[in-house]
N, C-alpha and C. Protein backbone atom coordinates (compact mmCIF):
# COMPACT_ATOMS: atom_id res chain seq x y z
N MET A 1 0.64 -1.15 -0.24
CA MET A 1 -0.15 0.33 -0.07
C MET A 1 1.19 1.37 0.33
N SER A 2 0.34 2.19 -0.62
CA SER A 2 1.39 3.78 -0.63
C SER A 2 1.28 3.95 0.49
N PRO A 3 2.15 4.94 1.07
CA PRO A 3 2.16 5.75 2.46
C PRO A 3 1.56 6.80 2.57
N VAL A 4 1.16 7.01 0.86
CA VAL A 4 0.58 8.11 1.12
C VAL A 4 -1.26 7.49 0.80
N ARG A 5 -2.17 7.77 1.65
CA ARG A 5 -3.40 7.97 1.57
C ARG A 5 -4.14 9.10 1.36
N SER A 6 -5.30 8.48 -0.27
CA SER A 6 -6.82 9.81 -0.42
C SER A 6 -7.52 9.88 0.80
N LEU A 7 -7.70 12.01 1.41
CA LEU A 7 -8.68 12.20 2.69
C LEU A 7 -9.79 10.97 3.12
N ALA A 8 -10.22 10.28 1.48
CA ALA A 8 -11.63 9.88 1.67
C ALA A 8 -11.32 8.27 1.89
N SER A 9 -10.53 7.92 1.94
CA SER A 9 -9.81 5.90 2.39
C SER A 9 -9.64 6.56 4.39
N ARG A 10 -8.73 7.34 4.46
CA ARG A 10 -9.08 7.44 5.79
C ARG A 10 -10.90 7.74 6.69
N PRO A 11 -11.03 7.05 7.56
CA PRO A 11 -11.65 7.09 8.16
C PRO A 11 -12.14 8.28 8.52
N HIS A 12 -10.87 8.96 9.77
CA HIS A 12 -10.75 9.52 10.91
C HIS A 12 -10.40 10.68 10.13
N ALA A 13 -9.85 11.41 9.27
CA ALA A 13 -10.19 13.17 8.24
C ALA A 13 -10.75 13.58 8.05
N SER A 14 -11.08 14.29 8.53
CA SER A 14 -11.81 15.83 7.94
C SER A 14 -11.97 16.00 6.43
N ARG A 15 -13.15 16.08 5.98
CA ARG A 15 -13.19 16.72 4.89
C ARG A 15 -13.92 17.77 4.10
N PRO A 16 -13.13 18.51 4.01
CA PRO A 16 -13.45 20.23 3.65
C PRO A 16 -15.56 20.56 4.36
N HIS A 17 -15.74 19.37 3.19
CA HIS A 17 -17.02 20.00 3.56
C HIS A 17 -18.31 20.16 4.27
N ALA A 18 -17.01 19.33 5.79
CA ALA A 18 -17.90 18.58 6.53
C ALA A 18 -17.51 20.04 8.31
N SER A 19 -17.76 20.83 7.73
CA SER A 19 -17.18 22.26 7.58
C SER A 19 -18.19 23.43 7.71
N ARG A 20 -19.26 22.94 6.83
CA ARG A 20 -19.72 23.94 5.93
C ARG A 20 -20.49 23.81 6.10
N PRO A 21 -21.49 23.72 7.90
CA PRO A 21 -22.94 23.39 8.15
C PRO A 21 -22.51 24.96 9.56
N LEU A 22 -20.99 24.03 9.81
CA LEU A 22 -20.98 24.81 11.29
C LEU A 22 -20.63 26.56 11.06
N ALA A 23 -19.29 27.15 10.18
CA ALA A 23 -19.15 28.11 9.19
C ALA A 23 -20.71 28.89 8.89
N ALA A 24 -21.53 27.93 8.30
CA ALA A 24 -23.06 28.35 7.82
C ALA A 24 -23.67 29.00 9.33
N ILE A 25 -23.04 28.07 10.34
CA ILE A 25 -24.61 28.70 12.20
C ILE A 25 -23.71 30.03 12.27
N LEU A 26 -22.05 29.86 12.07
CA LEU A 26 -21.40 30.89 13.27
C LEU A 26 -21.94 32.65 12.46
N PHE A 27 -22.09 32.35 11.40
CA PHE A 27 -22.29 32.98 10.18
C PHE A 27 -23.32 33.91 10.52
N LEU A 28 -24.36 32.56 10.44
CA LEU A 28 -26.04 34.18 10.79
C LEU A 28 -25.89 34.03 12.18
N VAL A 29 -25.00 33.95 13.60
CA VAL A 29 -24.97 33.96 14.77
C VAL A 29 -24.51 35.63 14.23
N GLY A 30 -24.03 35.90 13.54
CA GLY A 30 -22.89 36.65 13.59
C GLY A 30 -23.76 37.47 13.27
N LEU A 31 -24.63 37.50 11.72
CA LEU A 31 -25.66 38.46 11.31
C LEU A 31 -26.36 38.87 12.28
N SER A 32 -26.33 37.67 13.67
CA SER A 32 -27.88 38.03 14.49
C SER A 32 -27.53 39.03 15.02
N LEU A 33 -26.23 39.05 15.89
CA LEU A 33 -25.94 39.50 17.37
C LEU A 33 -25.83 41.58 16.45
N ALA A 34 -24.88 40.81 15.59
CA ALA A 34 -25.01 42.43 14.47
C ALA A 34 -25.53 43.37 13.95
N ALA A 35 -27.06 43.00 14.07
CA ALA A 35 -28.62 43.44 13.52
C ALA A 35 -29.17 43.97 14.81
N CYS A 36 -29.24 43.39 15.88
CA CYS A 36 -29.52 44.33 17.02
C CYS A 36 -29.99 45.82 17.21
N GLY A 37 -29.99 46.17 16.45
CA GLY A 37 -30.12 47.52 16.57
C GLY A 37 -29.40 48.73 15.84
N LYS A 38 -28.05 47.98 15.15
CA LYS A 38 -27.43 48.70 14.18
C LYS A 38 -28.17 50.05 14.25
N SER A 39 -27.54 51.19 13.79
CA SER A 39 -28.26 52.80 12.95
C SER A 39 -27.97 52.11 11.45
N GLU A 40 -28.30 52.51 10.93
CA GLU A 40 -27.35 52.67 8.56
C GLU A 40 -26.85 52.84 8.95
N ALA A 41 -26.34 54.20 10.15
CA ALA A 41 -26.00 55.76 9.03
C ALA A 41 -24.50 55.40 10.65
N PRO A 42 -23.34 55.58 10.04
CA PRO A 42 -22.55 55.52 11.67
C PRO A 42 -22.14 57.17 12.04
N ASP A 43 -22.33 56.61 13.17
CA ASP A 43 -22.49 57.72 14.53
C ASP A 43 -20.66 58.30 13.98
N GLU A 44 -20.40 59.25 15.13
CA GLU A 44 -18.65 60.00 15.39
C GLU A 44 -18.74 59.14 16.61
N GLY A 45 -19.24 57.74 17.01
CA GLY A 45 -18.44 57.86 18.25
C GLY A 45 -18.21 55.52 17.47
N ASP A 46 -19.10 54.85 16.45
CA ASP A 46 -19.13 53.75 16.25
C ASP A 46 -17.14 52.88 15.52
N SER A 47 -16.58 54.32 15.10
CA SER A 47 -15.46 53.99 15.57
C SER A 47 -14.93 53.30 16.71
N GLU A 48 -14.62 53.67 17.58
CA GLU A 48 -13.94 53.58 18.90
C GLU A 48 -15.72 52.99 19.60
N VAL A 49 -14.83 51.56 20.13
CA VAL A 49 -15.99 50.28 20.19
C VAL A 49 -15.16 50.98 22.22
N ALA A 50 -13.84 50.68 22.04
CA ALA A 50 -13.39 51.64 24.07
C ALA A 50 -14.00 52.00 24.34
N GLU A 51 -14.59 52.16 25.60
CA GLU A 51 -15.43 52.99 26.75
C GLU A 51 -14.93 54.67 26.51
N ALA A 52 -14.83 55.41 26.84
CA ALA A 52 -15.19 57.15 26.72
C ALA A 52 -14.24 57.48 27.83
N PRO A 53 -13.10 58.02 27.84
CA PRO A 53 -13.25 58.33 29.54
C PRO A 53 -13.84 59.29 30.12
N SER A 54 -14.16 58.78 31.64
CA SER A 54 -15.21 59.21 32.09
C SER A 54 -14.67 59.77 33.45
N ALA A 55 -15.27 60.46 34.69
CA ALA A 55 -15.20 60.82 35.72
C ALA A 55 -15.69 59.22 36.49
N VAL A 56 -15.05 59.13 37.18
CA VAL A 56 -15.15 57.99 38.68
C VAL A 56 -15.88 58.85 39.16
N LEU A 57 -16.59 57.66 39.68
CA LEU A 57 -17.38 57.91 41.11
C LEU A 57 -16.47 57.84 42.18
N THR A 58 -16.40 58.76 43.13
CA THR A 58 -16.42 58.42 44.82
C THR A 58 -17.16 57.25 44.87
N ASP A 59 -16.74 56.47 45.59
CA ASP A 59 -17.67 56.33 47.02
C ASP A 59 -18.60 56.32 48.21
N VAL A 60 -18.05 57.81 48.54
CA VAL A 60 -19.81 58.54 48.96
C VAL A 60 -19.78 58.62 47.64
N GLN A 61 -20.28 58.93 46.28
CA GLN A 61 -20.68 59.67 45.05
C GLN A 61 -22.26 58.12 45.27
N LYS A 62 -21.38 57.64 44.89
CA LYS A 62 -22.04 56.56 44.72
C LYS A 62 -23.08 55.48 45.72
N ALA A 63 -22.85 56.21 46.99
CA ALA A 63 -23.11 55.71 48.26
C ALA A 63 -24.75 56.46 48.36
N ALA A 64 -24.32 58.22 47.38
CA ALA A 64 -25.73 58.99 47.83
C ALA A 64 -26.42 58.55 46.44
N LEU A 65 -25.83 58.15 44.92
CA LEU A 65 -26.80 57.14 44.41
C LEU A 65 -27.69 55.66 44.82
N LEU A 66 -27.10 54.93 45.31
CA LEU A 66 -28.08 53.81 46.16
C LEU A 66 -28.84 54.61 46.89
N ALA A 67 -28.31 55.67 48.53
CA ALA A 67 -28.96 56.01 49.00
C ALA A 67 -30.54 56.17 48.56
N ASP A 68 -30.28 57.43 47.34
CA ASP A 68 -31.33 57.34 46.44
C ASP A 68 -32.53 57.13 45.67
N MET A 69 -32.33 55.03 45.68
CA MET A 69 -32.38 54.63 45.38
C MET A 69 -34.21 53.77 46.25
N PRO A 70 -34.96 52.83 46.12
CA PRO A 70 -35.40 52.41 47.41
C PRO A 70 -35.24 50.49 46.81
N GLU A 71 -35.57 50.55 48.23
CA GLU A 71 -35.06 48.55 48.70
C GLU A 71 -35.83 48.27 47.44
N PRO A 72 -34.98 46.83 47.33
CA PRO A 72 -33.55 46.04 47.21
C PRO A 72 -32.83 46.84 46.07
N TYR A 73 -32.58 48.40 46.10
CA TYR A 73 -32.68 49.05 45.09
C TYR A 73 -31.20 49.14 46.11
N ARG A 74 -31.30 49.54 47.01
CA ARG A 74 -29.91 50.65 47.90
C ARG A 74 -29.73 49.63 47.98
N SER A 75 -29.50 48.94 49.10
CA SER A 75 -28.53 47.05 49.17
C SER A 75 -28.29 45.71 48.51
N ALA A 76 -28.66 46.54 47.25
CA ALA A 76 -27.76 45.94 45.91
C ALA A 76 -25.78 45.68 46.36
N ASP A 77 -26.05 44.24 45.46
CA ASP A 77 -24.60 43.85 45.42
C ASP A 77 -23.73 44.05 43.89
N LEU A 78 -23.22 45.65 44.37
CA LEU A 78 -22.85 46.20 43.08
C LEU A 78 -21.13 45.79 42.58
N ALA A 79 -20.89 43.89 42.63
CA ALA A 79 -20.34 43.81 42.09
C ALA A 79 -20.22 43.36 41.21
N LYS A 80 -22.27 42.45 41.48
CA LYS A 80 -22.73 41.35 41.18
C LYS A 80 -23.44 42.16 40.00
N GLY A 81 -23.71 43.32 39.80
CA GLY A 81 -24.26 43.94 39.24
C GLY A 81 -23.48 44.27 37.74
N GLU A 82 -22.47 44.22 38.27
CA GLU A 82 -21.05 44.58 37.46
C GLU A 82 -20.49 43.52 36.66
N ALA A 83 -21.10 42.44 37.04
CA ALA A 83 -20.61 41.00 36.53
C ALA A 83 -21.71 41.12 35.07
N LEU A 84 -23.05 40.67 35.95
CA LEU A 84 -23.94 41.01 35.23
C LEU A 84 -23.90 42.49 33.99
N TYR A 85 -23.44 43.15 34.12
CA TYR A 85 -23.01 43.78 32.75
C TYR A 85 -22.02 43.69 32.10
N ALA A 86 -21.46 42.52 32.09
CA ALA A 86 -20.71 42.10 31.33
C ALA A 86 -21.57 41.02 30.00
N MET A 87 -21.91 40.94 29.46
CA MET A 87 -23.10 40.38 29.50
C MET A 87 -23.86 42.03 28.03
N CYS A 88 -24.30 42.78 28.87
CA CYS A 88 -24.11 44.32 28.08
C CYS A 88 -23.27 44.59 27.28
N ARG A 89 -22.07 44.02 26.98
CA ARG A 89 -20.71 45.07 27.59
C ARG A 89 -20.96 45.07 25.39
N SER A 90 -21.46 44.06 24.81
CA SER A 90 -21.23 43.77 23.75
C SER A 90 -21.13 44.12 23.10
N CYS A 91 -23.08 45.34 23.15
CA CYS A 91 -23.64 45.88 22.46
C CYS A 91 -24.00 47.62 22.96
N HIS A 92 -23.32 47.46 24.48
CA HIS A 92 -23.61 49.13 24.96
C HIS A 92 -22.43 49.31 25.44
N THR A 93 -22.09 51.06 25.95
CA THR A 93 -21.28 52.24 26.48
C THR A 93 -22.08 52.00 26.82
N TYR A 94 -21.68 52.91 28.58
CA TYR A 94 -21.61 52.59 29.80
C TYR A 94 -22.46 54.71 29.85
N VAL A 95 -20.91 54.80 29.39
CA VAL A 95 -20.62 56.25 29.94
C VAL A 95 -20.46 57.29 29.19
N LYS A 96 -20.73 58.52 30.23
CA LYS A 96 -20.52 59.93 29.54
C LYS A 96 -19.70 60.13 27.62
N GLY A 97 -20.75 60.20 26.98
CA GLY A 97 -19.38 60.57 26.05
C GLY A 97 -18.83 59.09 25.13
N GLY A 98 -19.16 58.02 25.69
CA GLY A 98 -19.19 56.82 25.12
C GLY A 98 -19.90 57.19 23.80
N GLY A 99 -19.67 56.23 22.44
CA GLY A 99 -20.55 56.20 21.60
C GLY A 99 -20.97 54.71 21.78
N ASN A 100 -22.35 55.12 20.53
CA ASN A 100 -23.55 54.23 20.30
C ASN A 100 -22.79 52.80 19.73
N MET A 101 -23.04 51.66 19.80
CA MET A 101 -22.33 50.59 19.38
C MET A 101 -24.26 49.36 18.44
N THR A 102 -23.70 48.81 18.78
CA THR A 102 -24.73 47.52 18.02
C THR A 102 -26.05 48.37 18.92
N GLY A 103 -26.27 48.25 20.13
CA GLY A 103 -26.93 49.03 21.12
C GLY A 103 -27.21 50.81 21.61
N PRO A 104 -27.43 51.50 21.49
CA PRO A 104 -27.45 52.84 21.98
C PRO A 104 -26.17 52.52 24.00
N ASN A 105 -26.08 53.59 23.29
CA ASN A 105 -24.78 53.65 24.82
C ASN A 105 -25.95 54.13 25.84
N LEU A 106 -25.11 53.89 27.36
CA LEU A 106 -26.75 53.74 28.40
C LEU A 106 -26.52 55.00 29.41
N TRP A 107 -25.39 55.75 28.50
CA TRP A 107 -25.51 56.83 30.08
C TRP A 107 -26.83 57.73 30.24
N GLY A 108 -26.66 58.36 31.28
CA GLY A 108 -28.54 59.30 31.91
C GLY A 108 -29.78 58.27 30.98
N THR A 109 -29.26 56.72 31.25
CA THR A 109 -30.94 56.25 31.31
C THR A 109 -31.57 56.05 32.13
N VAL A 110 -30.98 55.76 32.66
CA VAL A 110 -32.08 55.67 35.09
C VAL A 110 -32.99 56.99 34.23
N GLY A 111 -34.48 56.66 34.48
CA GLY A 111 -35.14 57.90 35.23
C GLY A 111 -34.97 58.51 33.27
N ALA A 112 -34.47 58.57 32.33
CA ALA A 112 -34.87 59.34 31.01
C ALA A 112 -36.12 58.55 29.85
N LYS A 113 -36.95 59.37 29.59
CA LYS A 113 -37.43 58.69 28.15
C LYS A 113 -36.24 57.37 28.20
N ALA A 114 -36.98 56.40 26.69
CA ALA A 114 -36.60 55.44 25.72
C ALA A 114 -36.73 56.04 24.39
N ALA A 115 -35.91 55.91 23.99
CA ALA A 115 -35.79 56.92 22.25
C ALA A 115 -34.82 57.83 23.35
N HIS A 116 -33.91 58.48 23.83
CA HIS A 116 -33.14 59.93 24.49
C HIS A 116 -32.15 59.60 24.03
N THR A 117 -30.81 58.62 23.26
CA THR A 117 -29.58 58.86 22.76
C THR A 117 -29.50 59.30 21.05
N ALA A 118 -28.99 60.48 21.19
CA ALA A 118 -29.03 60.62 20.35
C ALA A 118 -28.10 60.12 19.26
N GLY A 119 -28.08 60.22 18.52
CA GLY A 119 -27.73 59.70 16.77
C GLY A 119 -27.80 58.56 16.46
N PHE A 120 -29.50 57.68 17.60
CA PHE A 120 -29.27 56.06 17.46
C PHE A 120 -30.43 55.85 16.66
N ASN A 121 -30.15 54.71 16.08
CA ASN A 121 -31.12 54.31 15.08
C ASN A 121 -32.49 53.25 15.71
N TYR A 122 -33.40 54.02 16.85
CA TYR A 122 -34.17 52.88 17.78
C TYR A 122 -35.27 52.67 16.38
N SER A 123 -36.06 51.50 17.60
CA SER A 123 -37.31 50.97 16.89
C SER A 123 -37.80 51.70 16.58
N ASP A 124 -39.55 51.98 15.48
CA ASP A 124 -39.98 52.41 15.67
C ASP A 124 -40.96 52.16 16.60
N GLY A 125 -41.49 51.82 17.39
CA GLY A 125 -42.31 51.20 18.59
C GLY A 125 -41.87 51.44 20.24
N LEU A 126 -40.65 50.98 19.69
CA LEU A 126 -39.62 51.83 20.89
C LEU A 126 -40.18 53.70 21.31
N LYS A 127 -40.00 53.45 19.66
CA LYS A 127 -39.66 55.56 19.73
C LYS A 127 -41.00 55.68 20.11
N ALA A 128 -42.01 55.30 19.49
CA ALA A 128 -43.60 55.14 20.35
C ALA A 128 -43.58 54.77 21.34
N SER A 129 -42.95 54.21 22.27
CA SER A 129 -44.23 53.50 23.60
C SER A 129 -43.76 54.39 24.48
N GLY A 130 -43.30 56.22 24.66
CA GLY A 130 -44.16 56.74 25.69
C GLY A 130 -43.13 56.48 26.94
N LEU A 131 -42.08 54.77 27.10
CA LEU A 131 -41.70 55.31 28.63
C LEU A 131 -40.44 55.41 29.01
N VAL A 132 -40.37 55.46 30.18
CA VAL A 132 -39.58 56.51 30.77
C VAL A 132 -38.81 56.01 31.85
N TRP A 133 -38.16 55.32 31.19
CA TRP A 133 -36.68 54.09 31.91
C TRP A 133 -36.69 54.17 33.85
N ASP A 134 -37.88 54.42 34.04
CA ASP A 134 -37.82 54.54 35.98
C ASP A 134 -37.81 52.81 35.71
N LEU A 135 -37.59 52.49 37.70
CA LEU A 135 -36.60 51.26 37.79
C LEU A 135 -37.65 49.86 37.21
N ALA A 136 -39.15 50.69 37.47
CA ALA A 136 -40.17 49.18 37.30
C ALA A 136 -39.86 49.10 35.31
N THR A 137 -39.72 50.21 35.41
CA THR A 137 -40.16 49.79 33.43
C THR A 137 -38.25 48.97 33.10
N LEU A 138 -37.77 49.47 33.88
CA LEU A 138 -35.72 49.17 33.89
C LEU A 138 -36.11 47.02 33.80
N ASP A 139 -36.87 47.47 34.77
CA ASP A 139 -37.01 45.67 35.58
C ASP A 139 -37.62 44.45 34.86
N LYS A 140 -39.04 45.24 34.37
CA LYS A 140 -39.26 45.14 33.30
C LYS A 140 -38.69 44.47 31.69
N TRP A 141 -38.26 45.53 31.38
CA TRP A 141 -36.83 45.09 30.41
C TRP A 141 -35.61 44.68 30.40
N ILE A 142 -35.45 44.70 31.31
CA ILE A 142 -34.17 43.08 31.84
C ILE A 142 -34.58 42.21 31.53
N GLU A 143 -35.83 41.67 31.82
CA GLU A 143 -36.60 40.62 32.18
C GLU A 143 -36.96 40.19 30.65
N ASN A 144 -38.03 40.88 29.85
CA ASN A 144 -38.04 40.87 28.61
C ASN A 144 -38.36 41.83 27.71
N PRO A 145 -37.16 42.11 26.67
CA PRO A 145 -37.95 43.45 26.31
C PRO A 145 -38.03 43.00 25.04
N ARG A 146 -39.03 42.07 24.38
CA ARG A 146 -39.89 41.73 23.68
C ARG A 146 -41.15 41.57 23.68
N GLY A 147 -41.54 41.09 25.35
CA GLY A 147 -43.20 41.21 25.61
C GLY A 147 -43.20 42.70 26.41
N LEU A 148 -41.61 42.97 26.38
CA LEU A 148 -42.74 45.19 26.71
C LEU A 148 -43.05 45.52 25.80
N VAL A 149 -41.82 45.79 24.82
CA VAL A 149 -42.30 46.88 23.61
C VAL A 149 -42.23 46.16 21.90
N GLU A 150 -42.88 45.24 22.06
CA GLU A 150 -43.00 44.05 20.42
C GLU A 150 -42.06 45.01 19.63
N GLY A 151 -41.66 44.57 17.99
CA GLY A 151 -41.37 44.86 17.58
C GLY A 151 -39.74 45.34 18.07
N ASN A 152 -38.67 44.92 18.99
CA ASN A 152 -37.86 46.45 19.38
C ASN A 152 -36.76 45.47 18.61
N LYS A 153 -35.35 46.18 18.90
CA LYS A 153 -34.60 46.34 17.44
C LYS A 153 -32.93 44.91 18.84
N MET A 154 -33.79 45.28 19.89
CA MET A 154 -33.12 44.26 21.22
C MET A 154 -33.15 43.10 20.89
N SER A 155 -31.69 42.28 20.84
CA SER A 155 -32.26 40.08 20.34
C SER A 155 -31.62 40.27 21.47
N TYR A 156 -31.40 40.77 23.07
CA TYR A 156 -31.27 40.39 24.16
C TYR A 156 -32.64 39.60 24.99
N MET A 157 -32.97 38.58 25.26
CA MET A 157 -34.20 37.57 25.76
C MET A 157 -34.16 37.80 26.79
N GLY A 158 -33.54 38.17 28.25
CA GLY A 158 -33.99 38.81 29.00
C GLY A 158 -33.75 38.07 29.72
N MET A 159 -33.80 38.60 31.05
CA MET A 159 -32.33 38.01 32.46
C MET A 159 -34.27 37.54 34.15
N LYS A 160 -34.10 36.66 33.84
CA LYS A 160 -35.00 35.32 34.47
C LYS A 160 -34.83 35.63 36.05
N LYS A 161 -34.12 36.44 36.40
CA LYS A 161 -33.67 36.68 38.28
C LYS A 161 -33.72 37.76 38.66
N PRO A 162 -35.62 37.55 38.82
CA PRO A 162 -35.17 39.39 39.90
C PRO A 162 -33.81 40.33 40.73
N GLU A 163 -33.64 39.25 41.43
CA GLU A 163 -32.27 38.90 42.53
C GLU A 163 -31.30 40.24 40.93
N ASP A 164 -30.92 39.27 40.05
CA ASP A 164 -29.68 39.56 39.51
C ASP A 164 -30.06 40.98 37.98
N ARG A 165 -31.38 41.69 38.47
CA ARG A 165 -31.94 42.95 38.02
C ARG A 165 -32.10 44.29 39.22
N VAL A 166 -32.05 43.42 39.68
CA VAL A 166 -31.50 44.55 40.71
C VAL A 166 -30.69 44.86 40.96
N ALA A 167 -29.67 43.69 41.13
CA ALA A 167 -28.38 43.39 41.59
C ALA A 167 -27.41 45.08 39.69
N LEU A 168 -28.46 44.19 38.58
CA LEU A 168 -27.35 45.06 37.35
C LEU A 168 -28.14 46.63 37.21
N ILE A 169 -29.35 46.87 38.00
CA ILE A 169 -30.11 47.60 37.16
C ILE A 169 -29.65 48.83 39.07
N ALA A 170 -28.83 48.88 38.89
CA ALA A 170 -28.46 49.29 40.57
C ALA A 170 -26.91 49.85 40.19
N TRP A 171 -26.03 49.59 39.90
CA TRP A 171 -24.66 48.94 39.36
C TRP A 171 -25.13 50.01 38.04
N LEU A 172 -26.53 50.62 37.40
CA LEU A 172 -26.75 51.04 36.49
C LEU A 172 -26.75 52.23 36.51
N LYS A 173 -27.91 52.88 37.53
CA LYS A 173 -27.83 53.77 37.73
C LYS A 173 -26.17 54.64 39.37
N VAL A 174 -25.54 53.51 39.20
CA VAL A 174 -25.00 54.33 39.63
C VAL A 174 -23.37 54.22 38.86
N ASN A 175 -23.59 53.78 38.31
CA ASN A 175 -22.31 54.09 36.83
C ASN A 175 -23.12 54.23 35.40
N THR A 176 -23.51 55.29 35.08
CA THR A 176 -24.49 55.84 34.39
C THR A 176 -24.77 57.19 34.84
N SER A 177 -25.33 57.51 35.53
CA SER A 177 -25.30 58.49 36.56
C SER A 177 -24.86 60.07 36.74
N PRO A 178 -24.73 60.87 36.28
CA PRO A 178 -24.10 61.91 37.50
C PRO A 178 -24.45 61.78 38.31
N ALA A 179 -23.04 62.72 39.00
CA ALA A 179 -23.49 62.48 40.70
C ALA A 179 -23.82 62.78 41.05
N ASN A 180 -24.71 62.70 42.14
CA ASN A 180 -25.65 63.62 43.06
C ASN A 180 -24.91 65.33 43.74
C-alpha cells in the first residue's frame, strides 16, 4: 500500500465540506448579533468601541446615588451588577461620551425617556412607546425586552432572576448617572 492515502480512504480524516454547516451557523449567529439595533448611518462613536474616559465616582458619590433608590436597589450587590453587565458590554457603552454600538450608549438612561440617545436608530415601537426608564420599567425591560415593546430591535432574550435584575439596575444607576 502506498504511504500516501487519500483523505477519503481515512475514516477519521475531516473533509473540507463537513465544516460548511458549522460555518454557516456561525455566520448567521454573527449577523443576528450585528443586527440587534445598529443604526444604518454610522455616528461618531462607531469608530471607537472602547469606553470613553469618564470621571470615576467616589464611594461617597456612589453611596449617595444608591441612597436615592428604594429597596431592594439600595442594598444591591454592585459587584454582582458589574459582573452581569458583561452581557451588555458587547452591544452597549455606558460612560458619558461613550459611542453607540449595536445598542445605544447607556449614560443617563435611568430616569430618561425611552429612545433618548442622540444618533441611535431606535425601532419605531420604542420611539412611540412613551416609556420612561424608571426602575420598574427597566426591570420589565431587562426581564423581557420583546414582551415590553413589541418589534424592538434588541436581540437580548432577558434576565429571569429578580435579584440579578436588581443588582444590574443598581449598578447601571451608579455607573451611568452624574454624581448627586
